Amino acid sequence: MPYTREELTEARRQIALTLHKLREVVKTLEEKENPARYRSQITLAKRRIEAFTIANAQIERELSALDE
């Protein structure tokens, strides 16, 4: 099912906001006094960052394909 340019653009915007928040979470947790205590949360956030980065790249490809 193809998505509209508007749907893809909004998805990209939402992913960018989520990525920003996740990066801030990682930064905050890594700066805590004992970051090893938060290792699982840091790992989870980093994996989500990677997944959203991949999703964002796919959206960019879809938007580029609409321009062709």
PDB file of N, CA and C in Angstrom:
ATOM      1  N   MET A   1       0.850  -1.184   0.000  1.00  0.00           N
ATOM      2  CA  MET A   1       0.000   0.000   0.000  1.00  0.00           C
ATOM      3  C   MET A   1       0.891   1.240   0.000  1.00  0.00           C
ATOM      4  N   PRO A   2       0.814   2.035  -1.033  1.00  0.00           N
ATOM      5  CA  PRO A   2       1.636   3.246  -1.092  1.00  0.00           C
ATOM      6  C   PRO A   2       1.116   4.308  -0.104  1.00  0.00           C
ATOM      7  N   TYR A   3       2.037   5.082   0.406  1.00  0.00           N
ATOM      8  CA  TYR A   3       1.685   6.156   1.330  1.00  0.00           C
ATOM      9  C   TYR A   3       1.772   7.487   0.603  1.00  0.00           C
ATOM     10  N   THR A   4       1.007   8.452   1.077  1.00  0.00           N
ATOM     11  CA  THR A   4       1.046   9.776   0.460  1.00  0.00           C
ATOM     12  C   THR A   4       2.281  10.524   0.946  1.00  0.00           C
ATOM     13  N   ARG A   5       2.635  11.553   0.201  1.00  0.00           N
ATOM     14  CA  ARG A   5       3.768  12.399   0.593  1.00  0.00           C
ATOM     15  C   ARG A   5       3.528  12.984   1.992  1.00  0.00           C
ATOM     16  N   GLU A   6       2.299  13.379   2.264  1.00  0.00           N
ATOM     17  CA  GLU A   6       1.976  13.964   3.563  1.00  0.00           C
ATOM     18  C   GLU A   6       2.169  12.951   4.688  1.00  0.00           C
ATOM     19  N   GLU A   7       1.724  11.721   4.470  1.00  0.00           N
ATOM     20  CA  GLU A   7       1.894  10.673   5.488  1.00  0.00           C
ATOM     21  C   GLU A   7       3.375  10.398   5.754  1.00  0.00           C
ATOM     22  N   LEU A   8       4.155  10.316   4.685  1.00  0.00           N
ATOM     23  CA  LEU A   8       5.592  10.061   4.834  1.00  0.00           C
ATOM     24  C   LEU A   8       6.301  11.226   5.522  1.00  0.00           C
ATOM     25  N   THR A   9       5.918  12.432   5.162  1.00  0.00           N
ATOM     26  CA  THR A   9       6.535  13.612   5.766  1.00  0.00           C
ATOM     27  C   THR A   9       6.221  13.687   7.261  1.00  0.00           C
ATOM     28  N   GLU A  10       4.984  13.394   7.619  1.00  0.00           N
ATOM     29  CA  GLU A  10       4.607  13.413   9.034  1.00  0.00           C
ATOM     30  C   GLU A  10       5.313  12.290   9.801  1.00  0.00           C
ATOM     31  N   ALA A  11       5.424  11.130   9.200  1.00  0.00           N
ATOM     32  CA  ALA A  11       6.138  10.023   9.841  1.00  0.00           C
ATOM     33  C   ALA A  11       7.597  10.402  10.075  1.00  0.00           C
ATOM     34  N   ARG A  12       8.215  11.032   9.085  1.00  0.00           N
ATOM     35  CA  ARG A  12       9.604  11.472   9.206  1.00  0.00           C
ATOM     36  C   ARG A  12       9.753  12.488  10.339  1.00  0.00           C
ATOM     37  N   ARG A  13       8.804  13.387  10.453  1.00  0.00           N
ATOM     38  CA  ARG A  13       8.833  14.397  11.515  1.00  0.00           C
ATOM     39  C   ARG A  13       8.719  13.748  12.889  1.00  0.00           C
ATOM     40  N   GLN A  14       7.798  12.799  13.008  1.00  0.00           N
ATOM     41  CA  GLN A  14       7.606  12.113  14.285  1.00  0.00           C
ATOM     42  C   GLN A  14       8.841  11.302  14.670  1.00  0.00           C
ATOM     43  N   ILE A  15       9.448  10.664  13.691  1.00  0.00           N
ATOM     44  CA  ILE A  15      10.668   9.888  13.953  1.00  0.00           C
ATOM     45  C   ILE A  15      11.790  10.813  14.394  1.00  0.00           C
ATOM     46  N   ALA A  16      11.917  11.966  13.770  1.00  0.00           N
ATOM     47  CA  ALA A  16      12.960  12.923  14.151  1.00  0.00           C
ATOM     48  C   ALA A  16      12.775  13.372  15.598  1.00  0.00           C
ATOM     49  N   LEU A  17      11.545  13.637  15.998  1.00  0.00           N
ATOM     50  CA  LEU A  17      11.270  14.034  17.381  1.00  0.00           C
ATOM     51  C   LEU A  17      11.614  12.911  18.355  1.00  0.00           C
ATOM     52  N   THR A  18      11.235  11.696  18.010  1.00  0.00           N
ATOM     53  CA  THR A  18      11.517  10.545  18.862  1.00  0.00           C
ATOM     54  C   THR A  18      13.013  10.293  18.963  1.00  0.00           C
ATOM     55  N   LEU A  19      13.718  10.408  17.841  1.00  0.00           N
ATOM     56  CA  LEU A  19      15.172  10.237  17.857  1.00  0.00           C
ATOM     57  C   LEU A  19      15.830  11.264  18.772  1.00  0.00           C
ATOM     58  N   HIS A  20      15.384  12.488  18.702  1.00  0.00           N
ATOM     59  CA  HIS A  20      15.941  13.533  19.563  1.00  0.00           C
ATOM     60  C   HIS A  20      15.749  13.172  21.037  1.00  0.00           C
ATOM     61  N   LYS A  21      14.550  12.747  21.389  1.00  0.00           N
ATOM     62  CA  LYS A  21      14.261  12.383  22.778  1.00  0.00           C
ATOM     63  C   LYS A  21      15.092  11.184  23.221  1.00  0.00           C
ATOM     64  N   LEU A  22      15.211  10.187  22.357  1.00  0.00           N
ATOM     65  CA  LEU A  22      16.002   9.007  22.703  1.00  0.00           C
ATOM     66  C   LEU A  22      17.472   9.358  22.902  1.00  0.00           C
ATOM     67  N   ARG A  23      18.004  10.201  22.054  1.00  0.00           N
ATOM     68  CA  ARG A  23      19.410  10.611  22.203  1.00  0.00           C
ATOM     69  C   ARG A  23      19.628  11.366  23.516  1.00  0.00           C
ATOM     70  N   GLU A  24      18.650  12.160  23.898  1.00  0.00           N
ATOM     71  CA  GLU A  24      18.739  12.868  25.177  1.00  0.00           C
ATOM     72  C   GLU A  24      18.677  11.885  26.348  1.00  0.00           C
ATOM     73  N   VAL A  25      17.842  10.867  26.229  1.00  0.00           N
ATOM     74  CA  VAL A  25      17.745   9.843  27.272  1.00  0.00           C
ATOM     75  C   VAL A  25      19.086   9.140  27.443  1.00  0.00           C
ATOM     76  N   VAL A  26      19.692   8.744  26.329  1.00  0.00           N
ATOM     77  CA  VAL A  26      20.991   8.064  26.390  1.00  0.00           C
ATOM     78  C   VAL A  26      22.022   8.977  27.045  1.00  0.00           C
ATOM     79  N   LYS A  27      22.048  10.217  26.613  1.00  0.00           N
ATOM     80  CA  LYS A  27      23.002  11.182  27.166  1.00  0.00           C
ATOM     81  C   LYS A  27      22.807  11.321  28.679  1.00  0.00           C
ATOM     82  N   THR A  28      21.566  11.474  29.105  1.00  0.00           N
ATOM     83  CA  THR A  28      21.264  11.631  30.523  1.00  0.00           C
ATOM     84  C   THR A  28      21.667  10.401  31.327  1.00  0.00           C
ATOM     85  N   LEU A  29      21.316   9.227  30.831  1.00  0.00           N
ATOM     86  CA  LEU A  29      21.636   7.999  31.558  1.00  0.00           C
ATOM     87  C   LEU A  29      23.140   7.752  31.626  1.00  0.00           C
ATOM     88  N   GLU A  30      23.841   8.071  30.552  1.00  0.00           N
ATOM     89  CA  GLU A  30      25.289   7.861  30.545  1.00  0.00           C
ATOM     90  C   GLU A  30      26.014   8.846  31.461  1.00  0.00           C
ATOM     91  N   GLU A  31      25.384   9.973  31.759  1.00  0.00           N
ATOM     92  CA  GLU A  31      25.992  10.975  32.635  1.00  0.00           C
ATOM     93  C   GLU A  31      25.668  10.750  34.108  1.00  0.00           C
ATOM     94  N   LYS A  32      24.817   9.782  34.402  1.00  0.00           N
ATOM     95  CA  LYS A  32      24.478   9.485  35.794  1.00  0.00           C
ATOM     96  C   LYS A  32      25.719   9.031  36.550  1.00  0.00           C
ATOM     97  N   GLU A  33      25.624   9.096  37.874  1.00  0.00           N
ATOM     98  CA  GLU A  33      26.754   8.731  38.723  1.00  0.00           C
ATOM     99  C   GLU A  33      27.222   7.301  38.486  1.00  0.00           C
ATOM    100  N   ASN A  34      26.290   6.380  38.321  1.00  0.00           N
ATOM    101  CA  ASN A  34      26.638   4.980  38.100  1.00  0.00           C
ATOM    102  C   ASN A  34      25.924   4.486  36.836  1.00  0.00           C
ATOM    103  N   PRO A  35      26.452   4.827  35.634  1.00  0.00           N
ATOM    104  CA  PRO A  35      25.755   4.476  34.393  1.00  0.00           C
ATOM    105  C   PRO A  35      25.609   2.970  34.169  1.00  0.00           C
ATOM    106  N   ALA A  36      26.467   2.161  34.773  1.00  0.00           N
ATOM    107  CA  ALA A  36      26.350   0.704  34.608  1.00  0.00           C
ATOM    108  C   ALA A  36      25.016   0.205  35.148  1.00  0.00           C
ATOM    109  N   ARG A  37      24.491   0.912  36.121  1.00  0.00           N
ATOM    110  CA  ARG A  37      23.195   0.545  36.705  1.00  0.00           C
ATOM    111  C   ARG A  37      22.066   0.663  35.670  1.00  0.00           C
ATOM    112  N   TYR A  38      22.269   1.509  34.690  1.00  0.00           N
ATOM    113  CA  TYR A  38      21.246   1.776  33.679  1.00  0.00           C
ATOM    114  C   TYR A  38      21.587   1.135  32.337  1.00  0.00           C
ATOM    115  N   ARG A  39      22.470   0.167  32.353  1.00  0.00           N
ATOM    116  CA  ARG A  39      22.964  -0.435  31.118  1.00  0.00           C
ATOM    117  C   ARG A  39      21.840  -0.959  30.226  1.00  0.00           C
ATOM    118  N   SER A  40      20.862  -1.644  30.809  1.00  0.00           N
ATOM    119  CA  SER A  40      19.792  -2.202  29.972  1.00  0.00           C
ATOM    120  C   SER A  40      18.946  -1.103  29.324  1.00  0.00           C
ATOM    121  N   GLN A  41      18.673  -0.027  30.066  1.00  0.00           N
ATOM    122  CA  GLN A  41      17.899   1.072  29.497  1.00  0.00           C
ATOM    123  C   GLN A  41      18.693   1.777  28.400  1.00  0.00           C
ATOM    124  N   ILE A  42      19.992   1.933  28.607  1.00  0.00           N
ATOM    125  CA  ILE A  42      20.848   2.558  27.597  1.00  0.00           C
ATOM    126  C   ILE A  42      20.893   1.701  26.338  1.00  0.00           C
ATOM    127  N   THR A  43      21.045   0.396  26.520  1.00  0.00           N
ATOM    128  CA  THR A  43      21.078  -0.520  25.380  1.00  0.00           C
ATOM    129  C   THR A  43      19.767  -0.468  24.609  1.00  0.00           C
ATOM    130  N   LEU A  44      18.655  -0.496  25.316  1.00  0.00           N
ATOM    131  CA  LEU A  44      17.344  -0.439  24.671  1.00  0.00           C
ATOM    132  C   LEU A  44      17.179   0.856  23.879  1.00  0.00           C
ATOM    133  N   ALA A  45      17.560   1.980  24.481  1.00  0.00           N
ATOM    134  CA  ALA A  45      17.430   3.261  23.795  1.00  0.00           C
ATOM    135  C   ALA A  45      18.307   3.302  22.553  1.00  0.00           C
ATOM    136  N   LYS A  46      19.528   2.777  22.648  1.00  0.00           N
ATOM    137  CA  LYS A  46      20.425   2.765  21.487  1.00  0.00           C
ATOM    138  C   LYS A  46      19.876   1.877  20.375  1.00  0.00           C
ATOM    139  N   ARG A  47      19.286   0.759  20.726  1.00  0.00           N
ATOM    140  CA  ARG A  47      18.681  -0.111  19.709  1.00  0.00           C
ATOM    141  C   ARG A  47      17.490   0.565  19.046  1.00  0.00           C
ATOM    142  N   ARG A  48      16.725   1.293  19.825  1.00  0.00           N
ATOM    143  CA  ARG A  48      15.595   2.030  19.245  1.00  0.00           C
ATOM    144  C   ARG A  48      16.090   3.137  18.322  1.00  0.00           C
ATOM    145  N   ILE A  49      17.166   3.803  18.707  1.00  0.00           N
ATOM    146  CA  ILE A  49      17.750   4.834  17.849  1.00  0.00           C
ATOM    147  C   ILE A  49      18.146   4.222  16.510  1.00  0.00           C
ATOM    148  N   GLU A  50      18.776   3.073  16.558  1.00  0.00           N
ATOM    149  CA  GLU A  50      19.189   2.398  15.326  1.00  0.00           C
ATOM    150  C   GLU A  50      17.978   2.029  14.468  1.00  0.00           C
ATOM    151  N   ALA A  51      16.954   1.498  15.093  1.00  0.00           N
ATOM    152  CA  ALA A  51      15.746   1.100  14.353  1.00  0.00           C
ATOM    153  C   ALA A  51      15.059   2.309  13.718  1.00  0.00           C
ATOM    154  N   PHE A  52      14.936   3.395  14.479  1.00  0.00           N
ATOM    155  CA  PHE A  52      14.300   4.588  13.928  1.00  0.00           C
ATOM    156  C   PHE A  52      15.148   5.228  12.839  1.00  0.00           C
ATOM    157  N   THR A  53      16.457   5.123  12.946  1.00  0.00           N
ATOM    158  CA  THR A  53      17.338   5.648  11.903  1.00  0.00           C
ATOM    159  C   THR A  53      17.123   4.880  10.600  1.00  0.00           C
ATOM    160  N   ILE A  54      16.992   3.571  10.702  1.00  0.00           N
ATOM    161  CA  ILE A  54      16.713   2.740   9.521  1.00  0.00           C
ATOM    162  C   ILE A  54      15.356   3.114   8.929  1.00  0.00           C
ATOM    163  N   ALA A  55      14.355   3.257   9.783  1.00  0.00           N
ATOM    164  CA  ALA A  55      13.014   3.625   9.311  1.00  0.00           C
ATOM    165  C   ALA A  55      13.043   4.981   8.607  1.00  0.00           C
ATOM    166  N   ASN A  56      13.799   5.900   9.160  1.00  0.00           N
ATOM    167  CA  ASN A  56      13.905   7.226   8.558  1.00  0.00           C
ATOM    168  C   ASN A  56      14.556   7.155   7.182  1.00  0.00           C
ATOM    169  N   ALA A  57      15.572   6.327   7.040  1.00  0.00           N
ATOM    170  CA  ALA A  57      16.231   6.152   5.743  1.00  0.00           C
ATOM    171  C   ALA A  57      15.255   5.571   4.718  1.00  0.00           C
ATOM    172  N   GLN A  58      14.441   4.638   5.143  1.00  0.00           N
ATOM    173  CA  GLN A  58      13.440   4.054   4.243  1.00  0.00           C
ATOM    174  C   GLN A  58      12.412   5.102   3.808  1.00  0.00           C
ATOM    175  N   ILE A  59      12.002   5.930   4.739  1.00  0.00           N
ATOM    176  CA  ILE A  59      11.054   6.996   4.405  1.00  0.00           C
ATOM    177  C   ILE A  59      11.685   7.963   3.408  1.00  0.00           C
ATOM    178  N   GLU A  60      12.943   8.298   3.618  1.00  0.00           N
ATOM    179  CA  GLU A  60      13.646   9.181   2.683  1.00  0.00           C
ATOM    180  C   GLU A  60      13.674   8.572   1.281  1.00  0.00           C
ATOM    181  N   ARG A  61      13.915   7.270   1.197  1.00  0.00           N
ATOM    182  CA  ARG A  61      13.905   6.594  -0.113  1.00  0.00           C
ATOM    183  C   ARG A  61      12.537   6.666  -0.766  1.00  0.00           C
ATOM    184  N   GLU A  62      11.506   6.454   0.036  1.00  0.00           N
ATOM    185  CA  GLU A  62      10.141   6.521  -0.496  1.00  0.00           C
ATOM    186  C   GLU A  62       9.831   7.928  -1.002  1.00  0.00           C
ATOM    187  N   LEU A  63      10.241   8.935  -0.252  1.00  0.00           N
ATOM    188  CA  LEU A  63      10.010  10.310  -0.688  1.00  0.00           C
ATOM    189  C   LEU A  63      10.790  10.620  -1.964  1.00  0.00           C
ATOM    190  N   SER A  64      12.011  10.118  -2.061  1.00  0.00           N
ATOM    191  CA  SER A  64      12.805  10.327  -3.275  1.00  0.00           C
ATOM    192  C   SER A  64      12.148   9.648  -4.469  1.00  0.00           C
ATOM    193  N   ALA A  65      11.598   8.463  -4.245  1.00  0.00           N
ATOM    194  CA  ALA A  65      10.932   7.740  -5.325  1.00  0.00           C
ATOM    195  C   ALA A  65       9.697   8.500  -5.809  1.00  0.00           C
ATOM    196  N   LEU A  66       9.027   9.210  -4.926  1.00  0.00           N
ATOM    197  CA  LEU A  66       7.869  10.010  -5.337  1.00  0.00           C
ATOM    198  C   LEU A  66       8.292  11.175  -6.228  1.00  0.00           C
ATOM    199  N   ASP A  67       9.521  11.642  -6.053  1.00  0.00           N
ATOM    200  CA  ASP A  67      10.019  12.767  -6.851  1.00  0.00           C
ATOM    201  C   ASP A  67      10.412  12.353  -8.265  1.00  0.00           C
ATOM    202  N   GLU A  68      10.616  11.065  -8.479  1.00  0.00           N
ATOM    203  CA  GLU A  68      11.069  10.593  -9.807  1.00  0.00           C
ATOM    204  C   GLU A  68       9.964  10.560 -10.815  1.00  0.00           C
TER     205      GLU A  68
END
